[in-house]
Amino acid sequence: MADLAKLISALAALAWPIMFAVLLYKLYGPIRVLVDSARERKFTIKVAGNELTMEEVSEQQRAILTDLQAKVAEMEKQAPGAITRTSTESQFSRKRILWVDDEPKNNSYLVAGLTERGAMVDTALSTDEAVAKIKTVNYDIVISDMGRPEGNQAGLDLTRQLKELSVQTPIYIFCGGWAAKNLRKQALDAGVSGITSSGTTLLSMLPL
């Protein structure tokens, strides 16, 4: 029963990220046609306030869909044929999130998913900018990449600075696969609430 309860909890946590990815999957065909037709004309579109080329749009869609497929396959292994239902009501309504990344457009689709669920997402390009914003705004969640021009472990440096300032806001690191695996212990020791290279896992980690 304990294992079943854990599985149900895991399914519930992944419910709305999967719904978001499924919607993207349904739109993938029409969007791909648009992308292919527009690529040669060098069109760009805005997603979550960031201007993306058609190649960047296609790559972010591919990454999200690949991630979703991996998560669904993992869930199927644990409980073949399992189906879960969830309310479509926003679960991030009124949450204030700060996303720290020197390349914010790389997270455009994930940010769009959060804002569509009712969250307010601000961005910062550096640790200094993030700390300045956190001193003036009461954020519910902070998300950071790991490496930035200021340092290969800038995400950990930001976490330590916030802990020194007695900031209690939960901090999550969204980074590459190598850092997620090899710097996990350092991140948790520094006070990070979670670290992952998976967009789907990141969304399921965030506190409701």
C-alpha atoms as a PDB file:
ATOM      1  CA  MET A   1       0.000   0.000   0.000  1.00  0.00           C
ATOM      2  CA  ALA A   2       2.871   2.360   0.756  1.00  0.00           C
ATOM      3  CA  ASP A   3       4.295   1.851  -2.747  1.00  0.00           C
ATOM      4  CA  LEU A   4       0.864   2.461  -4.280  1.00  0.00           C
ATOM      5  CA  ALA A   5       0.484   5.665  -2.286  1.00  0.00           C
ATOM      6  CA  LYS A   6       3.887   6.855  -3.489  1.00  0.00           C
ATOM      7  CA  LEU A   7       2.949   6.087  -7.102  1.00  0.00           C
ATOM      8  CA  ILE A   8      -0.350   7.958  -6.804  1.00  0.00           C
ATOM      9  CA  SER A   9       1.481  10.914  -5.286  1.00  0.00           C
ATOM     10  CA  ALA A  10       4.032  10.872  -8.108  1.00  0.00           C
ATOM     11  CA  LEU A  11       1.303  10.726 -10.737  1.00  0.00           C
ATOM     12  CA  ALA A  12      -0.537  13.633  -9.146  1.00  0.00           C
ATOM     13  CA  ALA A  13       2.635  15.727  -9.045  1.00  0.00           C
ATOM     14  CA  LEU A  14       3.260  15.103 -12.750  1.00  0.00           C
ATOM     15  CA  ALA A  15      -0.349  15.636 -13.796  1.00  0.00           C
ATOM     16  CA  TRP A  16      -0.343  19.238 -14.905  1.00  0.00           C
ATOM     17  CA  PRO A  17       3.176  19.245 -16.423  1.00  0.00           C
ATOM     18  CA  ILE A  18       2.049  16.261 -18.504  1.00  0.00           C
ATOM     19  CA  MET A  19      -1.181  18.059 -19.481  1.00  0.00           C
ATOM     20  CA  PHE A  20       0.907  21.021 -20.643  1.00  0.00           C
ATOM     21  CA  ALA A  21       3.202  18.752 -22.656  1.00  0.00           C
ATOM     22  CA  VAL A  22       0.264  16.815 -24.152  1.00  0.00           C
ATOM     23  CA  LEU A  23      -1.267  20.086 -25.331  1.00  0.00           C
ATOM     24  CA  LEU A  24       2.051  21.013 -26.911  1.00  0.00           C
ATOM     25  CA  TYR A  25       2.170  17.559 -28.516  1.00  0.00           C
ATOM     26  CA  LYS A  26      -1.270  18.064 -30.062  1.00  0.00           C
ATOM     27  CA  LEU A  27      -0.178  21.390 -31.472  1.00  0.00           C
ATOM     28  CA  TYR A  28       3.207  20.059 -32.587  1.00  0.00           C
ATOM     29  CA  GLY A  29       2.075  19.136 -36.108  1.00  0.00           C
ATOM     30  CA  PRO A  30       0.543  22.510 -37.039  1.00  0.00           C
ATOM     31  CA  ILE A  31       3.360  24.392 -35.327  1.00  0.00           C
ATOM     32  CA  ARG A  32       5.983  22.279 -37.114  1.00  0.00           C
ATOM     33  CA  VAL A  33       4.399  23.130 -40.473  1.00  0.00           C
ATOM     34  CA  LEU A  34       4.560  26.813 -39.549  1.00  0.00           C
ATOM     35  CA  VAL A  35       8.153  26.460 -38.370  1.00  0.00           C
ATOM     36  CA  ASP A  36       9.259  24.694 -41.550  1.00  0.00           C
ATOM     37  CA  SER A  37       7.545  27.228 -43.789  1.00  0.00           C
ATOM     38  CA  ALA A  38       8.915  30.184 -41.842  1.00  0.00           C
ATOM     39  CA  ARG A  39      12.458  28.963 -41.264  1.00  0.00           C
ATOM     40  CA  GLU A  40      13.732  30.039 -44.680  1.00  0.00           C
ATOM     41  CA  ARG A  41      12.193  33.488 -44.218  1.00  0.00           C
ATOM     42  CA  LYS A  42      14.039  33.969 -40.905  1.00  0.00           C
ATOM     43  CA  PHE A  43      10.829  34.671 -38.982  1.00  0.00           C
ATOM     44  CA  THR A  44      10.870  34.990 -35.198  1.00  0.00           C
ATOM     45  CA  ILE A  45       8.066  34.699 -32.657  1.00  0.00           C
ATOM     46  CA  LYS A  46       7.675  35.827 -29.057  1.00  0.00           C
ATOM     47  CA  VAL A  47       7.213  33.233 -26.311  1.00  0.00           C
ATOM     48  CA  ALA A  48       6.975  34.415 -22.683  1.00  0.00           C
ATOM     49  CA  GLY A  49       8.378  37.767 -23.739  1.00  0.00           C
ATOM     50  CA  ASN A  50      11.422  36.273 -25.465  1.00  0.00           C
ATOM     51  CA  GLU A  51      11.993  36.490 -29.218  1.00  0.00           C
ATOM     52  CA  LEU A  52      12.861  33.050 -30.605  1.00  0.00           C
ATOM     53  CA  THR A  53      13.983  31.965 -34.033  1.00  0.00           C
ATOM     54  CA  MET A  54      12.093  29.115 -35.682  1.00  0.00           C
ATOM     55  CA  GLU A  55      15.033  26.813 -34.946  1.00  0.00           C
ATOM     56  CA  GLU A  56      14.890  27.707 -31.229  1.00  0.00           C
ATOM     57  CA  VAL A  57      11.120  27.135 -31.150  1.00  0.00           C
ATOM     58  CA  SER A  58      11.542  23.711 -32.740  1.00  0.00           C
ATOM     59  CA  GLU A  59      14.382  22.746 -30.374  1.00  0.00           C
ATOM     60  CA  GLN A  60      12.481  23.706 -27.206  1.00  0.00           C
ATOM     61  CA  GLN A  61       9.411  21.793 -28.393  1.00  0.00           C
ATOM     62  CA  ARG A  62      11.572  18.749 -29.158  1.00  0.00           C
ATOM     63  CA  ALA A  63      13.215  18.871 -25.714  1.00  0.00           C
ATOM     64  CA  ILE A  64       9.862  19.074 -23.898  1.00  0.00           C
ATOM     65  CA  LEU A  65       8.336  16.231 -25.910  1.00  0.00           C
ATOM     66  CA  THR A  66      11.400  14.010 -25.460  1.00  0.00           C
ATOM     67  CA  ASP A  67      11.313  14.673 -21.725  1.00  0.00           C
ATOM     68  CA  LEU A  68       7.598  13.877 -21.573  1.00  0.00           C
ATOM     69  CA  GLN A  69       8.059  10.599 -23.445  1.00  0.00           C
ATOM     70  CA  ALA A  70      10.789   9.537 -21.016  1.00  0.00           C
ATOM     71  CA  LYS A  71       8.608  10.337 -17.984  1.00  0.00           C
ATOM     72  CA  VAL A  72       5.585   8.505 -19.374  1.00  0.00           C
ATOM     73  CA  ALA A  73       7.728   5.459 -20.181  1.00  0.00           C
ATOM     74  CA  GLU A  74       9.092   5.494 -16.623  1.00  0.00           C
ATOM     75  CA  MET A  75       5.572   5.682 -15.174  1.00  0.00           C
ATOM     76  CA  GLU A  76       4.391   2.843 -17.401  1.00  0.00           C
ATOM     77  CA  LYS A  77       7.144   0.610 -16.037  1.00  0.00           C
ATOM     78  CA  GLN A  78       5.958   1.282 -12.483  1.00  0.00           C
ATOM     79  CA  ALA A  79       2.240   0.836 -13.218  1.00  0.00           C
ATOM     80  CA  PRO A  80       1.358  -0.363 -16.726  1.00  0.00           C
ATOM     81  CA  GLY A  81      -1.837   1.213 -17.992  1.00  0.00           C
ATOM     82  CA  ALA A  82      -2.111   3.640 -15.079  1.00  0.00           C
ATOM     83  CA  ILE A  83      -4.359   6.615 -15.815  1.00  0.00           C
ATOM     84  CA  THR A  84      -4.791   9.669 -13.664  1.00  0.00           C
ATOM     85  CA  ARG A  85      -7.245  12.534 -13.797  1.00  0.00           C
ATOM     86  CA  THR A  86      -6.750  16.027 -12.485  1.00  0.00           C
ATOM     87  CA  SER A  87      -8.558  19.322 -12.356  1.00  0.00           C
ATOM     88  CA  THR A  88      -7.650  21.860 -15.005  1.00  0.00           C
ATOM     89  CA  GLU A  89      -7.825  24.591 -12.379  1.00  0.00           C
ATOM     90  CA  SER A  90      -4.617  26.553 -12.062  1.00  0.00           C
ATOM     91  CA  GLN A  91      -2.344  25.320  -9.277  1.00  0.00           C
ATOM     92  CA  PHE A  92       0.209  28.136  -9.551  1.00  0.00           C
ATOM     93  CA  SER A  93      -2.259  30.994  -9.418  1.00  0.00           C
ATOM     94  CA  ARG A  94      -0.717  34.084  -7.813  1.00  0.00           C
ATOM     95  CA  LYS A  95       2.659  32.412  -7.204  1.00  0.00           C
ATOM     96  CA  ARG A  96       5.552  34.855  -7.693  1.00  0.00           C
ATOM     97  CA  ILE A  97       8.586  33.176  -9.263  1.00  0.00           C
ATOM     98  CA  LEU A  98      12.076  34.509  -9.990  1.00  0.00           C
ATOM     99  CA  TRP A  99      13.932  32.617 -12.748  1.00  0.00           C
ATOM    100  CA  VAL A 100      17.673  33.337 -12.842  1.00  0.00           C
ATOM    101  CA  ASP A 101      19.402  32.494 -16.133  1.00  0.00           C
ATOM    102  CA  ASP A 102      21.781  34.437 -18.378  1.00  0.00           C
ATOM    103  CA  GLU A 103      19.942  32.935 -21.389  1.00  0.00           C
ATOM    104  CA  PRO A 104      16.271  33.340 -20.386  1.00  0.00           C
ATOM    105  CA  LYS A 105      14.922  32.532 -23.830  1.00  0.00           C
ATOM    106  CA  ASN A 106      16.062  28.919 -23.373  1.00  0.00           C
ATOM    107  CA  ASN A 107      13.265  28.521 -20.805  1.00  0.00           C
ATOM    108  CA  SER A 108      10.558  30.288 -22.819  1.00  0.00           C
ATOM    109  CA  TYR A 109       8.130  27.390 -23.117  1.00  0.00           C
ATOM    110  CA  LEU A 110       8.464  26.411 -19.461  1.00  0.00           C
ATOM    111  CA  VAL A 111       7.901  30.021 -18.397  1.00  0.00           C
ATOM    112  CA  ALA A 112       4.895  30.219 -20.725  1.00  0.00           C
ATOM    113  CA  GLY A 113       3.486  27.077 -19.097  1.00  0.00           C
ATOM    114  CA  LEU A 114       3.853  28.607 -15.630  1.00  0.00           C
ATOM    115  CA  THR A 115       2.277  31.922 -16.602  1.00  0.00           C
ATOM    116  CA  GLU A 116      -0.624  30.122 -18.257  1.00  0.00           C
ATOM    117  CA  ARG A 117      -1.214  28.406 -14.915  1.00  0.00           C
ATOM    118  CA  GLY A 118      -1.450  31.798 -13.199  1.00  0.00           C
ATOM    119  CA  ALA A 119       2.106  32.330 -11.937  1.00  0.00           C
ATOM    120  CA  MET A 120       3.951  35.638 -12.230  1.00  0.00           C
ATOM    121  CA  VAL A 121       7.483  34.983 -13.500  1.00  0.00           C
ATOM    122  CA  ASP A 122      10.274  37.570 -13.270  1.00  0.00           C
ATOM    123  CA  THR A 123      13.737  36.995 -14.722  1.00  0.00           C
ATOM    124  CA  ALA A 124      17.257  37.913 -13.650  1.00  0.00           C
ATOM    125  CA  LEU A 125      20.429  37.485 -15.692  1.00  0.00           C
ATOM    126  CA  SER A 126      22.940  37.282 -12.847  1.00  0.00           C
ATOM    127  CA  THR A 127      23.352  36.557  -9.160  1.00  0.00           C
ATOM    128  CA  ASP A 128      23.690  40.246  -8.301  1.00  0.00           C
ATOM    129  CA  GLU A 129      20.485  41.114 -10.172  1.00  0.00           C
ATOM    130  CA  ALA A 130      18.668  38.203  -8.517  1.00  0.00           C
ATOM    131  CA  VAL A 131      19.756  39.214  -5.008  1.00  0.00           C
ATOM    132  CA  ALA A 132      18.706  42.815  -5.656  1.00  0.00           C
ATOM    133  CA  LYS A 133      15.244  41.713  -6.786  1.00  0.00           C
ATOM    134  CA  ILE A 134      14.806  39.286  -3.895  1.00  0.00           C
ATOM    135  CA  LYS A 135      15.574  42.099  -1.445  1.00  0.00           C
ATOM    136  CA  THR A 136      12.643  44.107  -2.817  1.00  0.00           C
ATOM    137  CA  VAL A 137      10.113  41.450  -3.879  1.00  0.00           C
ATOM    138  CA  ASN A 138       8.642  38.628  -1.789  1.00  0.00           C
ATOM    139  CA  TYR A 139       9.072  35.652  -4.138  1.00  0.00           C
ATOM    140  CA  ASP A 140       7.450  32.269  -3.507  1.00  0.00           C
ATOM    141  CA  ILE A 141       9.955  30.315  -5.615  1.00  0.00           C
ATOM    142  CA  VAL A 142      13.427  30.899  -7.076  1.00  0.00           C
ATOM    143  CA  ILE A 143      14.676  28.874 -10.061  1.00  0.00           C
ATOM    144  CA  SER A 144      18.285  29.176 -11.200  1.00  0.00           C
ATOM    145  CA  ASP A 145      20.553  27.678 -13.799  1.00  0.00           C
ATOM    146  CA  MET A 146      23.905  26.356 -12.616  1.00  0.00           C
ATOM    147  CA  GLY A 147      26.600  27.949 -14.763  1.00  0.00           C
ATOM    148  CA  ARG A 148      26.677  31.556 -15.900  1.00  0.00           C
ATOM    149  CA  PRO A 149      29.467  33.832 -17.188  1.00  0.00           C
ATOM    150  CA  GLU A 150      30.086  34.820 -13.544  1.00  0.00           C
ATOM    151  CA  GLY A 151      30.986  31.225 -12.626  1.00  0.00           C
ATOM    152  CA  ASN A 152      30.455  27.533 -13.385  1.00  0.00           C
ATOM    153  CA  GLN A 153      28.614  27.073 -10.077  1.00  0.00           C
ATOM    154  CA  ALA A 154      26.748  30.377 -10.022  1.00  0.00           C
ATOM    155  CA  GLY A 155      23.545  28.586  -8.995  1.00  0.00           C
ATOM    156  CA  LEU A 156      25.233  27.336  -5.824  1.00  0.00           C
ATOM    157  CA  ASP A 157      26.769  30.745  -5.157  1.00  0.00           C
ATOM    158  CA  LEU A 158      23.317  32.339  -5.404  1.00  0.00           C
ATOM    159  CA  THR A 159      21.871  29.744  -3.024  1.00  0.00           C
ATOM    160  CA  ARG A 160      24.586  30.355  -0.441  1.00  0.00           C
ATOM    161  CA  GLN A 161      24.154  34.133  -0.647  1.00  0.00           C
ATOM    162  CA  LEU A 162      20.414  33.828  -0.104  1.00  0.00           C
ATOM    163  CA  LYS A 163      20.913  31.519   2.873  1.00  0.00           C
ATOM    164  CA  GLU A 164      23.376  34.029   4.380  1.00  0.00           C
ATOM    165  CA  LEU A 165      20.656  36.659   4.005  1.00  0.00           C
ATOM    166  CA  SER A 166      18.228  34.299   5.811  1.00  0.00           C
ATOM    167  CA  VAL A 167      15.993  34.115   2.733  1.00  0.00           C
ATOM    168  CA  GLN A 168      13.588  31.200   3.249  1.00  0.00           C
ATOM    169  CA  THR A 169      12.307  31.049  -0.338  1.00  0.00           C
ATOM    170  CA  PRO A 170      12.731  27.531  -1.807  1.00  0.00           C
ATOM    171  CA  ILE A 171      15.409  27.433  -4.515  1.00  0.00           C
ATOM    172  CA  TYR A 172      15.461  24.996  -7.435  1.00  0.00           C
ATOM    173  CA  ILE A 173      18.291  24.508  -9.914  1.00  0.00           C
ATOM    174  CA  PHE A 174      17.454  23.652 -13.535  1.00  0.00           C
ATOM    175  CA  CYS A 175      20.667  22.719 -15.282  1.00  0.00           C
ATOM    176  CA  GLY A 176      22.413  20.346 -17.664  1.00  0.00           C
ATOM    177  CA  GLY A 177      22.570  16.593 -17.094  1.00  0.00           C
ATOM    178  CA  TRP A 178      26.191  16.550 -15.909  1.00  0.00           C
ATOM    179  CA  ALA A 179      25.650  19.189 -13.233  1.00  0.00           C
ATOM    180  CA  ALA A 180      22.358  17.641 -12.096  1.00  0.00           C
ATOM    181  CA  LYS A 181      24.147  14.343 -11.492  1.00  0.00           C
ATOM    182  CA  ASN A 182      27.585  15.390 -10.281  1.00  0.00           C
ATOM    183  CA  LEU A 183      26.745  18.507  -8.275  1.00  0.00           C
ATOM    184  CA  ARG A 184      23.588  17.171  -6.634  1.00  0.00           C
ATOM    185  CA  LYS A 185      25.144  16.648  -3.194  1.00  0.00           C
ATOM    186  CA  GLN A 186      26.802  20.072  -3.197  1.00  0.00           C
ATOM    187  CA  ALA A 187      23.513  21.663  -4.229  1.00  0.00           C
ATOM    188  CA  LEU A 188      21.512  19.953  -1.490  1.00  0.00           C
ATOM    189  CA  ASP A 189      24.200  20.744   1.090  1.00  0.00           C
ATOM    190  CA  ALA A 190      24.035  24.402   0.026  1.00  0.00           C
ATOM    191  CA  GLY A 191      20.307  24.429   0.722  1.00  0.00           C
ATOM    192  CA  VAL A 192      18.753  23.844  -2.688  1.00  0.00           C
ATOM    193  CA  SER A 193      15.251  22.334  -2.507  1.00  0.00           C
ATOM    194  CA  GLY A 194      15.714  20.413  -5.753  1.00  0.00           C
ATOM    195  CA  ILE A 195      18.020  20.069  -8.753  1.00  0.00           C
ATOM    196  CA  THR A 196      17.185  18.531 -12.125  1.00  0.00           C
ATOM    197  CA  SER A 197      17.901  18.635 -15.845  1.00  0.00           C
ATOM    198  CA  SER A 198      14.303  17.673 -16.705  1.00  0.00           C
ATOM    199  CA  GLY A 199      11.738  20.373 -17.381  1.00  0.00           C
ATOM    200  CA  THR A 200       8.880  18.014 -16.505  1.00  0.00           C
ATOM    201  CA  THR A 201      10.539  17.052 -13.220  1.00  0.00           C
ATOM    202  CA  LEU A 202      11.212  20.706 -12.407  1.00  0.00           C
ATOM    203  CA  LEU A 203       7.550  21.631 -12.822  1.00  0.00           C
ATOM    204  CA  SER A 204       6.468  18.695 -10.664  1.00  0.00           C
ATOM    205  CA  MET A 205       8.942  19.710  -7.935  1.00  0.00           C
ATOM    206  CA  LEU A 206       7.660  23.242  -7.499  1.00  0.00           C
ATOM    207  CA  PRO A 207       5.543  23.753  -4.360  1.00  0.00           C
ATOM    208  CA  LEU A 208       1.862  24.408  -4.981  1.00  0.00           C
END
